[in-house]
Amino acid sequence: MDNPHEGFGGKLRGVAGQGFSVIGHDYLDAVRKAGAIPLGIPVGDLDACQELVAAVDGIVLAGGEDIDPVR
């Protein structure tokens, strides 16, 4: 059986004219520990987002900076 694929939407960060999607390592590590493969879903690219959401087995909705991802 293949490992499931879990999609993540990142938090947008900007650095001198360039944007980044950021995902905390704790989330990625937890998904790997559960035997799944984490895949980043680009924020702001609707076509790519729809295609990836259709291809993954689940989606992780990460909390804010005030929520401990271990919980």
N, C-alpha and C. Protein backbone atom coordinates (compact mmCIF):
# COMPACT_ATOMS: atom_id res chain seq x y z
N MET A 1 0.84 -1.19 0.00
CA MET A 1 0.00 0.00 0.00
C MET A 1 0.88 1.25 0.00
N ASP A 2 0.56 2.22 -0.83
CA ASP A 2 1.30 3.47 -0.88
C ASP A 2 0.96 4.33 0.34
N ASN A 3 1.94 5.13 0.75
CA ASN A 3 1.68 6.06 1.84
C ASN A 3 0.70 7.14 1.37
N PRO A 4 -0.22 7.57 2.26
CA PRO A 4 -1.14 8.64 1.88
C PRO A 4 -0.39 9.96 1.72
N HIS A 5 -0.96 10.85 0.95
CA HIS A 5 -0.39 12.18 0.74
C HIS A 5 -1.28 13.20 1.44
N GLU A 6 -0.68 14.04 2.28
CA GLU A 6 -1.41 15.06 3.02
C GLU A 6 -0.99 16.44 2.52
N GLY A 7 -1.96 17.26 2.15
CA GLY A 7 -1.67 18.59 1.64
C GLY A 7 -1.64 19.62 2.75
N PHE A 8 -0.78 20.61 2.60
CA PHE A 8 -0.63 21.72 3.54
C PHE A 8 -0.72 23.04 2.80
N GLY A 9 -1.51 23.95 3.31
CA GLY A 9 -1.45 25.33 2.84
C GLY A 9 -0.53 26.07 3.79
N GLY A 10 0.34 26.88 3.28
CA GLY A 10 1.30 27.57 4.13
C GLY A 10 0.82 28.94 4.55
N LYS A 11 1.56 29.53 5.45
CA LYS A 11 1.32 30.90 5.88
C LYS A 11 2.15 31.80 4.98
N LEU A 12 1.55 32.85 4.45
CA LEU A 12 2.28 33.74 3.55
C LEU A 12 3.22 34.65 4.33
N ARG A 13 4.42 34.75 3.86
CA ARG A 13 5.42 35.66 4.42
C ARG A 13 6.03 36.43 3.26
N GLY A 14 6.40 37.66 3.47
CA GLY A 14 7.04 38.44 2.42
C GLY A 14 8.45 38.83 2.80
N VAL A 15 9.34 38.77 1.84
CA VAL A 15 10.72 39.17 2.06
C VAL A 15 11.16 39.99 0.85
N ALA A 16 11.37 41.27 1.02
CA ALA A 16 11.90 42.17 -0.01
C ALA A 16 11.40 41.86 -1.42
N GLY A 17 10.08 41.97 -1.61
CA GLY A 17 9.52 41.80 -2.94
C GLY A 17 9.28 40.37 -3.37
N GLN A 18 9.51 39.42 -2.49
CA GLN A 18 9.29 38.02 -2.84
C GLN A 18 8.46 37.37 -1.74
N GLY A 19 7.41 36.65 -2.13
CA GLY A 19 6.56 35.99 -1.14
C GLY A 19 6.96 34.54 -0.92
N PHE A 20 6.67 34.04 0.26
CA PHE A 20 6.97 32.65 0.61
C PHE A 20 5.75 32.04 1.30
N SER A 21 5.54 30.75 1.10
CA SER A 21 4.58 29.99 1.89
C SER A 21 5.38 29.20 2.91
N VAL A 22 5.04 29.36 4.17
CA VAL A 22 5.81 28.76 5.25
C VAL A 22 4.97 27.72 5.97
N ILE A 23 5.56 26.55 6.23
CA ILE A 23 4.90 25.48 6.97
C ILE A 23 5.82 25.08 8.11
N GLY A 24 5.29 25.02 9.33
CA GLY A 24 6.10 24.64 10.48
C GLY A 24 6.57 23.20 10.42
N HIS A 25 7.80 22.98 10.82
CA HIS A 25 8.37 21.62 10.80
C HIS A 25 7.61 20.65 11.69
N ASP A 26 7.03 21.15 12.78
CA ASP A 26 6.28 20.25 13.67
C ASP A 26 5.11 19.59 12.94
N TYR A 27 4.45 20.35 12.06
CA TYR A 27 3.35 19.78 11.28
C TYR A 27 3.86 18.72 10.31
N LEU A 28 4.93 19.04 9.61
CA LEU A 28 5.50 18.10 8.64
C LEU A 28 5.99 16.83 9.34
N ASP A 29 6.66 17.00 10.48
CA ASP A 29 7.17 15.85 11.23
C ASP A 29 6.03 14.96 11.72
N ALA A 30 4.94 15.57 12.19
CA ALA A 30 3.80 14.79 12.69
C ALA A 30 3.17 13.96 11.57
N VAL A 31 3.06 14.54 10.38
CA VAL A 31 2.48 13.81 9.25
C VAL A 31 3.40 12.66 8.84
N ARG A 32 4.71 12.92 8.80
CA ARG A 32 5.66 11.85 8.46
C ARG A 32 5.61 10.73 9.49
N LYS A 33 5.53 11.09 10.78
CA LYS A 33 5.45 10.09 11.86
C LYS A 33 4.22 9.20 11.70
N ALA A 34 3.15 9.78 11.16
CA ALA A 34 1.90 9.03 10.95
C ALA A 34 1.97 8.17 9.68
N GLY A 35 3.09 8.25 8.95
CA GLY A 35 3.26 7.42 7.76
C GLY A 35 2.78 8.05 6.47
N ALA A 36 2.47 9.33 6.50
CA ALA A 36 2.00 10.02 5.29
C ALA A 36 3.12 10.87 4.70
N ILE A 37 2.91 11.33 3.49
CA ILE A 37 3.86 12.17 2.78
C ILE A 37 3.28 13.58 2.71
N PRO A 38 3.95 14.57 3.32
CA PRO A 38 3.43 15.95 3.27
C PRO A 38 3.73 16.61 1.93
N LEU A 39 2.74 17.31 1.40
CA LEU A 39 2.89 18.05 0.14
C LEU A 39 2.41 19.48 0.33
N GLY A 40 3.22 20.44 -0.06
CA GLY A 40 2.83 21.84 0.04
C GLY A 40 1.85 22.21 -1.06
N ILE A 41 0.84 22.97 -0.71
CA ILE A 41 -0.13 23.48 -1.67
C ILE A 41 0.10 24.98 -1.80
N PRO A 42 0.41 25.47 -2.99
CA PRO A 42 0.74 26.89 -3.14
C PRO A 42 -0.45 27.79 -2.82
N VAL A 43 -0.20 28.76 -1.97
CA VAL A 43 -1.23 29.72 -1.59
C VAL A 43 -1.29 30.79 -2.67
N GLY A 44 -2.47 31.10 -3.15
CA GLY A 44 -2.63 32.16 -4.12
C GLY A 44 -2.66 31.70 -5.57
N ASP A 45 -2.41 30.43 -5.84
CA ASP A 45 -2.47 29.89 -7.21
C ASP A 45 -3.66 28.94 -7.26
N LEU A 46 -4.84 29.47 -7.61
CA LEU A 46 -6.08 28.70 -7.53
C LEU A 46 -6.06 27.44 -8.37
N ASP A 47 -5.55 27.50 -9.60
CA ASP A 47 -5.52 26.32 -10.46
C ASP A 47 -4.65 25.21 -9.87
N ALA A 48 -3.45 25.56 -9.43
CA ALA A 48 -2.56 24.57 -8.83
C ALA A 48 -3.15 24.04 -7.53
N CYS A 49 -3.78 24.91 -6.76
CA CYS A 49 -4.40 24.51 -5.50
C CYS A 49 -5.49 23.47 -5.75
N GLN A 50 -6.37 23.74 -6.69
CA GLN A 50 -7.47 22.81 -6.98
C GLN A 50 -6.94 21.46 -7.46
N GLU A 51 -5.92 21.48 -8.29
CA GLU A 51 -5.34 20.24 -8.80
C GLU A 51 -4.70 19.42 -7.68
N LEU A 52 -3.97 20.08 -6.80
CA LEU A 52 -3.32 19.35 -5.71
C LEU A 52 -4.32 18.86 -4.67
N VAL A 53 -5.33 19.67 -4.36
CA VAL A 53 -6.35 19.25 -3.40
C VAL A 53 -7.05 17.99 -3.91
N ALA A 54 -7.29 17.91 -5.20
CA ALA A 54 -7.94 16.73 -5.78
C ALA A 54 -7.03 15.50 -5.72
N ALA A 55 -5.72 15.71 -5.64
CA ALA A 55 -4.76 14.60 -5.70
C ALA A 55 -4.35 14.06 -4.34
N VAL A 56 -4.56 14.82 -3.26
CA VAL A 56 -4.11 14.36 -1.94
C VAL A 56 -5.20 13.56 -1.24
N ASP A 57 -4.77 12.82 -0.22
CA ASP A 57 -5.70 11.99 0.56
C ASP A 57 -6.32 12.75 1.73
N GLY A 58 -5.72 13.86 2.10
CA GLY A 58 -6.22 14.67 3.20
C GLY A 58 -5.54 16.02 3.19
N ILE A 59 -6.07 16.94 4.00
CA ILE A 59 -5.51 18.28 4.10
C ILE A 59 -5.34 18.63 5.57
N VAL A 60 -4.18 19.18 5.91
CA VAL A 60 -3.91 19.63 7.27
C VAL A 60 -4.16 21.13 7.31
N LEU A 61 -5.04 21.55 8.20
CA LEU A 61 -5.29 22.97 8.41
C LEU A 61 -4.53 23.38 9.66
N ALA A 62 -3.40 24.01 9.45
CA ALA A 62 -2.52 24.37 10.56
C ALA A 62 -3.11 25.54 11.34
N GLY A 63 -2.83 25.55 12.64
CA GLY A 63 -3.30 26.63 13.50
C GLY A 63 -2.40 27.85 13.41
N GLY A 64 -2.72 28.84 14.21
CA GLY A 64 -1.92 30.06 14.24
C GLY A 64 -0.70 29.91 15.13
N GLU A 65 0.07 30.99 15.23
CA GLU A 65 1.29 30.95 16.03
C GLU A 65 0.99 30.75 17.51
N ASP A 66 -0.24 31.02 17.94
CA ASP A 66 -0.59 30.87 19.34
C ASP A 66 -1.10 29.48 19.68
N ILE A 67 -1.08 28.56 18.72
CA ILE A 67 -1.54 27.19 18.96
C ILE A 67 -0.36 26.25 18.85
N ASP A 68 -0.15 25.42 19.87
CA ASP A 68 0.95 24.47 19.88
C ASP A 68 0.62 23.32 18.93
N PRO A 69 1.39 23.14 17.83
CA PRO A 69 1.07 22.10 16.84
C PRO A 69 1.20 20.68 17.39
N VAL A 70 1.86 20.51 18.52
CA VAL A 70 2.00 19.18 19.12
C VAL A 70 0.65 18.71 19.66
N ARG A 71 -0.21 19.62 20.02
CA ARG A 71 -1.53 19.28 20.57
C ARG A 71 -2.45 18.97 19.44
